[in-house]
Protein backbone atom coordinates (compact mmCIF):
# COMPACT_ATOMS: atom_id res chain seq x y z
CA MET A 1 -13.24 -15.44 7.98
CA ARG A 2 -12.14 -12.87 5.45
CA LEU A 3 -10.76 -13.89 2.07
CA ASN A 4 -7.99 -11.44 1.27
CA SER A 5 -8.79 -11.36 -2.45
CA ASN A 6 -11.07 -13.11 -4.92
CA LYS A 7 -8.64 -12.34 -7.77
CA ALA A 8 -6.87 -15.73 -7.83
CA LEU A 9 -10.22 -17.51 -8.00
CA ARG A 10 -11.45 -15.34 -10.87
CA GLU A 11 -8.19 -15.71 -12.81
CA PHE A 12 -8.19 -19.49 -12.43
CA THR A 13 -11.80 -19.59 -13.62
CA LEU A 14 -10.81 -17.77 -16.83
CA GLN A 15 -8.61 -20.76 -17.73
CA HIS A 16 -10.78 -23.47 -16.14
CA ARG A 17 -14.42 -22.44 -16.50
CA ALA A 18 -15.70 -25.65 -14.88
CA ALA A 19 -14.02 -24.62 -11.60
CA GLY A 20 -15.87 -21.30 -11.23
CA GLU A 21 -19.02 -22.44 -9.46
CA SER A 22 -17.14 -24.70 -7.03
CA LEU A 23 -14.57 -22.02 -6.21
CA GLN A 24 -17.24 -19.45 -5.47
CA ALA A 25 -19.18 -21.93 -3.32
CA TRP A 26 -15.95 -22.57 -1.38
CA ARG A 27 -15.43 -18.80 -0.99
CA LYS A 28 -18.92 -18.33 0.41
CA LEU A 29 -18.39 -21.07 2.99
CA ILE A 30 -15.11 -19.49 4.06
CA GLU A 31 -16.66 -16.03 4.38
CA ARG A 32 -19.72 -17.25 6.32
CA ASN A 33 -17.70 -18.97 9.02
CA ALA A 34 -15.14 -18.14 11.68
CA PHE A 35 -12.44 -20.72 12.25
CA GLY A 36 -10.42 -20.70 15.44
CA ASN A 37 -8.00 -23.42 14.43
CA TYR A 38 -7.35 -26.30 12.05
CA ALA A 39 -9.83 -28.58 13.86
CA SER A 40 -12.71 -26.13 13.35
CA LEU A 41 -11.70 -25.71 9.69
CA LYS A 42 -11.67 -29.49 9.27
CA ARG A 43 -15.22 -29.77 10.64
CA VAL A 44 -16.51 -27.67 7.74
CA PHE A 45 -14.01 -28.80 5.08
CA ASN A 46 -13.44 -32.46 5.82
CA SER A 47 -10.94 -32.89 2.97
CA VAL A 48 -8.65 -29.98 3.93
CA ASP A 49 -5.05 -31.00 4.61
CA LYS A 50 -2.12 -29.18 6.13
CA ALA A 51 1.07 -29.08 4.03
CA GLY A 52 3.83 -27.28 5.87
CA GLU A 53 2.45 -23.86 6.76
CA TYR A 54 -0.27 -24.04 4.10
CA TYR A 55 -3.77 -25.49 3.96
CA VAL A 56 -4.79 -27.47 0.88
CA PHE A 57 -8.46 -27.66 -0.07
CA ASP A 58 -9.93 -30.14 -2.54
CA ILE A 59 -12.24 -28.30 -4.92
CA ALA A 60 -14.86 -29.80 -7.29
CA GLY A 61 -14.46 -33.40 -6.20
CA ASN A 62 -10.67 -33.20 -6.05
CA ARG A 63 -10.28 -31.96 -9.64
CA TYR A 64 -8.63 -28.78 -8.34
CA ARG A 65 -6.54 -27.85 -5.32
CA LEU A 66 -6.57 -24.52 -3.56
CA ILE A 67 -3.53 -23.67 -1.45
CA ALA A 68 -4.00 -21.05 1.25
CA ALA A 69 -2.22 -19.41 4.14
CA ILE A 70 -4.57 -18.88 7.05
CA HIS A 71 -4.10 -16.50 9.96
CA PHE A 72 -6.63 -17.71 12.50
CA ASN A 73 -5.83 -14.85 14.90
CA THR A 74 -6.90 -12.20 12.36
CA GLN A 75 -9.48 -14.41 10.58
CA THR A 76 -7.78 -13.82 7.24
CA LEU A 77 -7.19 -16.33 4.43
CA TYR A 78 -4.69 -15.68 1.64
CA VAL A 79 -5.00 -17.77 -1.53
CA ARG A 80 -1.49 -18.74 -2.60
CA ALA A 81 -2.41 -20.87 -5.62
CA VAL A 82 -5.25 -22.63 -7.35
CA LEU A 83 -4.04 -25.64 -9.30
CA THR A 84 -5.38 -28.54 -11.28
CA HIS A 85 -4.82 -31.91 -9.65
CA ALA A 86 -1.99 -32.60 -12.13
CA GLU A 87 -0.30 -29.25 -11.38
CA TYR A 88 -0.58 -29.91 -7.66
CA ASN A 89 1.52 -33.07 -8.06
CA ASP A 90 4.49 -30.82 -8.93
CA TRP A 91 3.84 -28.28 -6.14
CA ARG A 92 6.04 -28.27 -3.05
CA PRO A 93 5.31 -26.31 0.17
């Protein structure tokens, strides 16, 4: 799968340095795999949830949440937001 941009991950890491290694490890897993649907995504990322049209990934032991739009047909993932767990509580799909 192709990550549309690494920019959101890098920008979040500037504010939350502890998230950097976990975010880049997540990115590598995304880019090394092809996912045909939510079930195949869930096999690799057991904690991923679907919230409306978005997919929510737990990062770094649930300290951070990554919200993404995924187009399985084109194998493209768009990062919509990277949030702390506290910020995620205020997020609505």
